[in-house]
Protein backbone atom coordinates (compact mmCIF):
# COMPACT_ATOMS: atom_id res chain seq x y z
CA MET A 1 93.98 137.02 167.44
CA PHE A 2 97.48 136.36 166.75
CA THR A 3 98.90 132.39 168.20
CA ALA A 4 102.10 130.70 168.55
CA SER A 5 102.94 127.84 170.05
CA CYS A 6 105.99 125.59 170.55
CA HIS A 7 106.14 122.03 168.42
CA CYS A 8 104.32 119.88 170.78
CA GLY A 9 101.95 122.43 171.93
CA SER A 10 103.34 123.08 175.50
CA ILE A 11 103.73 126.26 174.96
CA GLN A 12 101.29 128.80 173.48
CA LEU A 13 101.38 132.34 172.94
CA ALA A 14 98.82 135.17 172.00
CA VAL A 15 97.95 138.64 170.99
CA ASP A 16 95.59 140.99 169.90
CA ASP A 17 97.14 142.55 167.12
CA LYS A 18 99.43 141.88 164.15
CA PRO A 19 102.96 143.43 164.41
CA GLU A 20 104.08 146.35 162.33
CA THR A 21 107.54 144.64 161.55
CA LEU A 22 109.36 141.57 162.64
CA THR A 23 112.67 141.83 163.66
CA GLU A 24 115.94 139.22 162.82
CA CYS A 25 118.98 140.17 165.08
CA THR A 26 122.50 139.02 164.09
CA CYS A 27 123.54 138.33 168.11
CA SER A 28 124.91 134.90 168.67
CA ILE A 29 121.62 133.28 170.04
CA CYS A 30 119.45 134.79 168.01
CA HIS A 31 121.20 133.92 164.99
CA ARG A 32 121.83 130.35 166.00
CA VAL A 33 118.15 130.11 167.36
CA GLY A 34 117.18 131.37 163.44
CA ALA A 35 114.33 133.60 165.42
CA GLN A 36 112.29 136.04 163.72
CA TRP A 37 110.91 138.15 166.84
CA ALA A 38 107.62 140.68 167.25
CA TYR A 39 107.68 142.80 170.09
CA TYR A 40 104.82 143.35 172.61
CA LEU A 41 104.29 144.94 176.20
CA ARG A 42 104.45 142.37 178.81
CA HIS A 43 100.70 143.17 179.41
CA GLU A 44 99.68 142.29 176.00
CA VAL A 45 100.88 138.72 175.36
CA SER A 46 98.80 135.53 177.00
CA ILE A 47 101.43 133.08 177.93
CA THR A 48 99.47 129.75 178.52
CA GLY A 49 100.41 125.69 178.77
CA SER A 50 102.58 123.59 180.56
CA PRO A 51 104.86 126.31 182.80
CA ALA A 52 106.69 123.34 183.84
CA GLN A 53 107.59 122.80 180.29
CA ARG A 54 109.15 126.35 180.35
CA LYS A 55 112.63 126.87 180.50
CA ALA A 56 114.87 129.95 180.62
CA TYR A 57 118.27 130.60 179.14
CA LEU A 58 119.99 133.45 180.42
CA TRP A 59 123.34 134.83 179.14
CA GLY A 60 125.98 137.51 178.99
CA ASP A 61 124.49 140.23 181.41
CA ARG A 62 121.99 137.83 182.65
CA CYS A 63 118.91 140.49 181.93
CA ILE A 64 116.84 138.95 179.41
CA GLU A 65 115.60 135.27 179.81
CA PHE A 66 114.73 133.23 176.22
CA TYR A 67 112.67 130.77 176.93
CA HIS A 68 112.01 127.25 175.33
CA CYS A 69 110.01 124.25 175.45
CA LYS A 70 111.82 121.04 177.62
CA ASN A 71 109.80 118.94 175.67
CA CYS A 72 110.47 119.94 172.02
CA GLY A 73 113.21 122.37 172.40
CA CYS A 74 111.67 125.51 170.52
CA THR A 75 112.17 128.78 171.67
CA THR A 76 109.40 130.39 171.89
CA HIS A 77 109.87 133.99 173.91
CA TYR A 78 112.09 136.21 175.65
CA GLU A 79 111.19 138.79 177.92
CA SER A 80 113.26 140.86 180.87
CA VAL A 81 114.12 139.12 183.95
CA GLU A 82 112.55 142.10 185.58
CA LYS A 83 109.30 141.67 184.57
CA ALA A 84 106.46 144.51 184.82
CA GLY A 85 103.33 145.24 182.96
CA ASP A 86 105.34 147.66 180.70
CA SER A 87 108.43 145.82 180.18
CA ARG A 88 109.09 143.93 176.60
CA VAL A 89 108.26 140.59 175.77
CA ALA A 90 109.28 138.86 172.45
CA ILE A 91 107.35 136.22 170.64
CA ASN A 92 109.68 134.33 168.18
CA THR A 93 107.16 134.53 165.07
CA ARG A 94 108.87 131.13 163.44
CA MET A 95 106.44 129.64 166.21
CA MET A 96 102.95 131.47 164.20
CA PRO A 97 101.23 130.08 161.19
CA THR A 98 103.58 131.57 158.26
CA GLU A 99 100.08 132.95 156.76
CA ASP A 100 99.84 135.14 159.55
CA THR A 101 103.30 136.89 159.05
CA SER A 102 103.53 136.55 155.24
CA GLY A 103 103.88 140.43 154.12
CA ILE A 104 105.55 141.90 157.55
CA PRO A 105 108.18 143.71 156.45
CA VAL A 106 111.30 142.34 158.18
CA ARG A 107 114.34 144.23 159.80
CA LYS A 108 117.82 143.66 159.97
CA PHE A 109 119.30 144.37 163.66
CA ASP A 110 123.00 144.24 164.27
CA GLY A 111 122.75 142.89 167.76
CA ALA A 112 126.35 141.33 167.42
CA ASP A 113 128.21 144.38 166.62
CA THR A 114 126.71 148.05 166.33
CA TRP A 115 123.26 147.72 167.79
CA GLU A 116 122.00 149.18 164.94
CA PHE A 117 119.41 148.38 162.56
CA LEU A 118 121.15 147.41 159.09
CA ASP A 119 118.29 148.78 156.95
CA ASP A 120 117.92 151.99 158.23
């Protein structure tokens, strides 16, 4: 079991499997947040804690909700506005213990311009 939580613990996420890779995106929001994403299907992620502490931020085409904690401000995850069991949830692995993600390859994604991986 791999877990992530915001700094104050109001939002917790859990998954069974370690990600094969992590992704750093260059888009304007990911760059500012400093996130490192691990991708899962929605039905693979357990999100617990206080729903009242979760705040979604939408921008651009308004199809992705970036969630952060209202109390401590940490960005914990994002998911599609249209939630389905097979839709993607991205967990910000910066919210996981460092030892859980050390050694996992990090891919660079150019979300600011080309929408391609820079390391291919």
